[in-house]
Amino acid sequence: MAKTSSFAIMLVATLACAQPQLGGLTTADSTALRALESSFVNAILDRDWSALATNYAEDAVLMPPNEPVVFGPTAISEWFPNTGLQVSEFTTNLSSLEGQLALGSVRGTYTLTFTVAPATAAVTDSGKFLWLVRRGPDGRWLIAVDIWNSSVPLSSQ
């Protein structure tokens, strides 16, 4: 009987180890999330608001600093040009990609150089961002929640 129990335990342990792990990001997921980041940055730099909108889920929420929440890709693509920001440089640095199955998060930092019309003097900002992402109906990773804030201290004016 001891031999059967030992064999059964070893068989179950072996099968458990042979099963694919649920959760965690695959290499393909990580590559897709990096491509999402690249698409986002390029759309901002190109001022291509239609392309930007394709990075967001249909029920996406944008949570910009010091502004009301913006709902949905159409409203998000309209919000960006309405800020008056003229972005000349924008870089991101990913510090964390995490996820399980169809949900994930992307965390990183950004540096942004811009002007705000009618001003002509460029301003540089740096800060951090967090995206909550999920797979869309077509399997692509999309931004569901987008929030960021500056790391630059407020002036004492």
C-alpha atoms as a PDB file:
ATOM      1  CA  MET A   1       0.000   0.000   0.000  1.00  0.00           C
ATOM      2  CA  ALA A   2       2.870   2.387   0.777  1.00  0.00           C
ATOM      3  CA  LYS A   3       4.265   1.862  -2.732  1.00  0.00           C
ATOM      4  CA  THR A   4       0.903   2.781  -4.307  1.00  0.00           C
ATOM      5  CA  SER A   5       0.530   5.905  -2.168  1.00  0.00           C
ATOM      6  CA  SER A   6       4.089   7.013  -2.935  1.00  0.00           C
ATOM      7  CA  PHE A   7       3.555   6.378  -6.633  1.00  0.00           C
ATOM      8  CA  ALA A   8       0.236   8.283  -6.623  1.00  0.00           C
ATOM      9  CA  ILE A   9       1.841  11.255  -4.847  1.00  0.00           C
ATOM     10  CA  MET A  10       4.768  11.282  -7.305  1.00  0.00           C
ATOM     11  CA  LEU A  11       2.374  11.024 -10.278  1.00  0.00           C
ATOM     12  CA  VAL A  12       0.196  13.894  -9.042  1.00  0.00           C
ATOM     13  CA  ALA A  13       3.284  16.021  -8.314  1.00  0.00           C
ATOM     14  CA  THR A  14       4.736  15.288 -11.750  1.00  0.00           C
ATOM     15  CA  LEU A  15       1.466  16.116 -13.518  1.00  0.00           C
ATOM     16  CA  ALA A  16       1.067  19.295 -11.499  1.00  0.00           C
ATOM     17  CA  CYS A  17       4.539  20.434 -12.526  1.00  0.00           C
ATOM     18  CA  ALA A  18       3.876  19.543 -16.163  1.00  0.00           C
ATOM     19  CA  GLN A  19       0.717  21.682 -16.345  1.00  0.00           C
ATOM     20  CA  PRO A  20       1.096  25.119 -17.885  1.00  0.00           C
ATOM     21  CA  GLN A  21       1.211  27.843 -15.281  1.00  0.00           C
ATOM     22  CA  LEU A  22      -1.860  30.025 -15.169  1.00  0.00           C
ATOM     23  CA  GLY A  23      -1.205  33.709 -14.809  1.00  0.00           C
ATOM     24  CA  GLY A  24       1.915  35.703 -15.275  1.00  0.00           C
ATOM     25  CA  LEU A  25       2.878  37.406 -18.485  1.00  0.00           C
ATOM     26  CA  THR A  26       4.314  35.440 -21.343  1.00  0.00           C
ATOM     27  CA  THR A  27       7.166  36.772 -23.442  1.00  0.00           C
ATOM     28  CA  ALA A  28       4.577  37.562 -26.132  1.00  0.00           C
ATOM     29  CA  ASP A  29       2.516  39.531 -23.582  1.00  0.00           C
ATOM     30  CA  SER A  30       5.558  41.543 -22.494  1.00  0.00           C
ATOM     31  CA  THR A  31       6.415  42.257 -26.123  1.00  0.00           C
ATOM     32  CA  ALA A  32       2.826  43.322 -26.829  1.00  0.00           C
ATOM     33  CA  LEU A  33       2.783  45.656 -23.792  1.00  0.00           C
ATOM     34  CA  ARG A  34       6.051  47.248 -24.886  1.00  0.00           C
ATOM     35  CA  ALA A  35       4.535  47.725 -28.352  1.00  0.00           C
ATOM     36  CA  LEU A  36       1.499  49.361 -26.711  1.00  0.00           C
ATOM     37  CA  GLU A  37       3.841  51.754 -24.903  1.00  0.00           C
ATOM     38  CA  SER A  38       5.652  52.548 -28.154  1.00  0.00           C
ATOM     39  CA  SER A  39       2.373  53.122 -30.014  1.00  0.00           C
ATOM     40  CA  PHE A  40       1.200  55.461 -27.242  1.00  0.00           C
ATOM     41  CA  VAL A  41       4.419  57.514 -27.248  1.00  0.00           C
ATOM     42  CA  ASN A  42       4.486  57.759 -31.059  1.00  0.00           C
ATOM     43  CA  ALA A  43       0.841  58.857 -31.207  1.00  0.00           C
ATOM     44  CA  ILE A  44       1.534  61.642 -28.685  1.00  0.00           C
ATOM     45  CA  LEU A  45       4.638  62.818 -30.544  1.00  0.00           C
ATOM     46  CA  ASP A  46       2.855  62.649 -33.913  1.00  0.00           C
ATOM     47  CA  ARG A  47      -0.279  64.291 -32.487  1.00  0.00           C
ATOM     48  CA  ASP A  48      -2.200  61.411 -34.053  1.00  0.00           C
ATOM     49  CA  TRP A  49      -5.216  61.354 -31.758  1.00  0.00           C
ATOM     50  CA  SER A  50      -7.056  58.685 -33.780  1.00  0.00           C
ATOM     51  CA  ALA A  51      -4.070  56.352 -33.411  1.00  0.00           C
ATOM     52  CA  LEU A  52      -3.905  57.203 -29.710  1.00  0.00           C
ATOM     53  CA  ALA A  53      -7.553  56.203 -29.259  1.00  0.00           C
ATOM     54  CA  THR A  54      -6.847  52.693 -30.611  1.00  0.00           C
ATOM     55  CA  ASN A  55      -4.684  52.025 -27.537  1.00  0.00           C
ATOM     56  CA  TYR A  56      -7.660  52.351 -25.181  1.00  0.00           C
ATOM     57  CA  ALA A  57     -10.444  49.921 -24.263  1.00  0.00           C
ATOM     58  CA  GLU A  58     -14.006  50.964 -25.149  1.00  0.00           C
ATOM     59  CA  ASP A  59     -14.738  51.721 -21.472  1.00  0.00           C
ATOM     60  CA  ALA A  60     -11.318  53.241 -20.722  1.00  0.00           C
ATOM     61  CA  VAL A  61     -10.870  55.844 -18.010  1.00  0.00           C
ATOM     62  CA  LEU A  62      -8.262  58.616 -18.251  1.00  0.00           C
ATOM     63  CA  MET A  63      -7.386  60.225 -14.903  1.00  0.00           C
ATOM     64  CA  PRO A  64      -5.228  63.271 -15.684  1.00  0.00           C
ATOM     65  CA  PRO A  65      -3.803  65.353 -12.821  1.00  0.00           C
ATOM     66  CA  ASN A  66      -5.857  68.371 -11.774  1.00  0.00           C
ATOM     67  CA  GLU A  67      -8.602  67.521 -14.276  1.00  0.00           C
ATOM     68  CA  PRO A  68     -11.914  65.643 -14.284  1.00  0.00           C
ATOM     69  CA  VAL A  69     -11.993  61.995 -15.307  1.00  0.00           C
ATOM     70  CA  VAL A  70     -12.356  61.364 -19.058  1.00  0.00           C
ATOM     71  CA  PHE A  71     -14.363  58.326 -20.218  1.00  0.00           C
ATOM     72  CA  GLY A  72     -13.906  56.334 -23.438  1.00  0.00           C
ATOM     73  CA  PRO A  73     -11.414  56.439 -26.316  1.00  0.00           C
ATOM     74  CA  THR A  74     -13.273  59.101 -28.293  1.00  0.00           C
ATOM     75  CA  ALA A  75     -13.379  61.540 -25.371  1.00  0.00           C
ATOM     76  CA  ILE A  76      -9.758  60.692 -24.536  1.00  0.00           C
ATOM     77  CA  SER A  77      -8.627  61.404 -28.111  1.00  0.00           C
ATOM     78  CA  GLU A  78     -10.458  64.758 -27.906  1.00  0.00           C
ATOM     79  CA  TRP A  79      -9.023  65.616 -24.473  1.00  0.00           C
ATOM     80  CA  PHE A  80      -5.364  65.513 -25.509  1.00  0.00           C
ATOM     81  CA  PRO A  81      -5.481  68.181 -28.264  1.00  0.00           C
ATOM     82  CA  ASN A  82      -7.790  70.348 -26.135  1.00  0.00           C
ATOM     83  CA  THR A  83      -5.068  70.707 -23.477  1.00  0.00           C
ATOM     84  CA  GLY A  84      -3.144  73.069 -25.764  1.00  0.00           C
ATOM     85  CA  LEU A  85       0.050  71.096 -25.124  1.00  0.00           C
ATOM     86  CA  GLN A  86       2.512  71.098 -27.983  1.00  0.00           C
ATOM     87  CA  VAL A  87       4.745  68.137 -27.133  1.00  0.00           C
ATOM     88  CA  SER A  88       8.247  68.258 -28.568  1.00  0.00           C
ATOM     89  CA  GLU A  89       9.828  65.399 -26.598  1.00  0.00           C
ATOM     90  CA  PHE A  90       8.260  62.471 -24.790  1.00  0.00           C
ATOM     91  CA  THR A  91       9.977  59.400 -23.416  1.00  0.00           C
ATOM     92  CA  THR A  92       8.876  56.653 -21.093  1.00  0.00           C
ATOM     93  CA  ASN A  93      10.774  54.105 -19.080  1.00  0.00           C
ATOM     94  CA  LEU A  94       8.921  50.970 -18.031  1.00  0.00           C
ATOM     95  CA  SER A  95       9.717  49.748 -14.547  1.00  0.00           C
ATOM     96  CA  SER A  96       7.100  47.029 -14.139  1.00  0.00           C
ATOM     97  CA  LEU A  97       4.996  44.807 -16.370  1.00  0.00           C
ATOM     98  CA  GLU A  98       2.703  42.489 -14.450  1.00  0.00           C
ATOM     99  CA  GLY A  99      -0.379  40.493 -15.217  1.00  0.00           C
ATOM    100  CA  GLN A 100      -2.377  37.335 -15.113  1.00  0.00           C
ATOM    101  CA  LEU A 101      -4.490  35.935 -17.897  1.00  0.00           C
ATOM    102  CA  ALA A 102      -6.336  38.943 -19.383  1.00  0.00           C
ATOM    103  CA  LEU A 103      -5.520  41.653 -16.801  1.00  0.00           C
ATOM    104  CA  GLY A 104      -2.297  43.487 -16.116  1.00  0.00           C
ATOM    105  CA  SER A 105      -0.528  46.641 -15.114  1.00  0.00           C
ATOM    106  CA  VAL A 106       2.201  48.741 -16.662  1.00  0.00           C
ATOM    107  CA  ARG A 107       4.124  51.105 -14.411  1.00  0.00           C
ATOM    108  CA  GLY A 108       6.857  53.517 -15.355  1.00  0.00           C
ATOM    109  CA  THR A 109       8.216  57.009 -15.510  1.00  0.00           C
ATOM    110  CA  TYR A 110       8.047  59.690 -18.171  1.00  0.00           C
ATOM    111  CA  THR A 111       9.815  62.846 -19.280  1.00  0.00           C
ATOM    112  CA  LEU A 112       7.865  65.345 -21.328  1.00  0.00           C
ATOM    113  CA  THR A 113       8.949  68.612 -22.938  1.00  0.00           C
ATOM    114  CA  PHE A 114       6.133  70.838 -24.152  1.00  0.00           C
ATOM    115  CA  THR A 115       4.779  74.333 -24.668  1.00  0.00           C
ATOM    116  CA  VAL A 116       1.269  75.525 -23.946  1.00  0.00           C
ATOM    117  CA  ALA A 117      -0.119  77.988 -26.479  1.00  0.00           C
ATOM    118  CA  PRO A 118       0.233  80.950 -26.582  1.00  0.00           C
ATOM    119  CA  ALA A 119       3.482  80.578 -24.577  1.00  0.00           C
ATOM    120  CA  THR A 120       6.622  79.759 -26.539  1.00  0.00           C
ATOM    121  CA  ALA A 121       8.953  78.788 -23.690  1.00  0.00           C
ATOM    122  CA  ALA A 122       9.342  75.022 -23.380  1.00  0.00           C
ATOM    123  CA  VAL A 123       8.669  73.315 -20.065  1.00  0.00           C
ATOM    124  CA  THR A 124      10.030  69.926 -19.068  1.00  0.00           C
ATOM    125  CA  ASP A 125       8.108  67.679 -16.717  1.00  0.00           C
ATOM    126  CA  SER A 126       8.922  64.266 -15.347  1.00  0.00           C
ATOM    127  CA  GLY A 127       6.772  61.916 -13.369  1.00  0.00           C
ATOM    128  CA  LYS A 128       5.276  58.486 -13.098  1.00  0.00           C
ATOM    129  CA  PHE A 129       2.359  56.652 -14.669  1.00  0.00           C
ATOM    130  CA  LEU A 130       0.262  53.571 -14.131  1.00  0.00           C
ATOM    131  CA  TRP A 131      -1.838  51.774 -16.707  1.00  0.00           C
ATOM    132  CA  LEU A 132      -4.275  49.034 -15.872  1.00  0.00           C
ATOM    133  CA  VAL A 133      -4.528  46.967 -19.027  1.00  0.00           C
ATOM    134  CA  ARG A 134      -6.670  44.131 -20.277  1.00  0.00           C
ATOM    135  CA  ARG A 135      -7.048  42.056 -23.372  1.00  0.00           C
ATOM    136  CA  GLY A 136      -9.563  43.387 -25.857  1.00  0.00           C
ATOM    137  CA  PRO A 137     -12.002  41.181 -27.757  1.00  0.00           C
ATOM    138  CA  ASP A 138      -9.372  40.701 -30.486  1.00  0.00           C
ATOM    139  CA  GLY A 139      -6.710  39.593 -27.964  1.00  0.00           C
ATOM    140  CA  ARG A 140      -4.733  42.886 -28.069  1.00  0.00           C
ATOM    141  CA  TRP A 141      -3.688  44.503 -24.818  1.00  0.00           C
ATOM    142  CA  LEU A 142      -5.519  47.814 -24.302  1.00  0.00           C
ATOM    143  CA  ILE A 143      -5.331  50.543 -21.674  1.00  0.00           C
ATOM    144  CA  ALA A 144      -8.361  50.370 -19.365  1.00  0.00           C
ATOM    145  CA  VAL A 145      -7.201  52.944 -16.798  1.00  0.00           C
ATOM    146  CA  ASP A 146      -4.544  55.617 -17.432  1.00  0.00           C
ATOM    147  CA  ILE A 147      -3.275  57.766 -14.568  1.00  0.00           C
ATOM    148  CA  TRP A 148      -0.132  59.843 -14.198  1.00  0.00           C
ATOM    149  CA  ASN A 149       1.302  62.636 -12.097  1.00  0.00           C
ATOM    150  CA  SER A 150       4.309  64.865 -12.011  1.00  0.00           C
ATOM    151  CA  SER A 151       7.303  64.356  -9.771  1.00  0.00           C
ATOM    152  CA  VAL A 152       8.240  68.032 -10.125  1.00  0.00           C
ATOM    153  CA  PRO A 153       7.380  69.940  -6.918  1.00  0.00           C
ATOM    154  CA  LEU A 154       4.731  72.639  -7.191  1.00  0.00           C
ATOM    155  CA  SER A 155       6.161  76.127  -7.282  1.00  0.00           C
ATOM    156  CA  SER A 156       5.739  78.258  -4.176  1.00  0.00           C
ATOM    157  CA  GLN A 157       3.920  81.042  -6.069  1.00  0.00           C
END
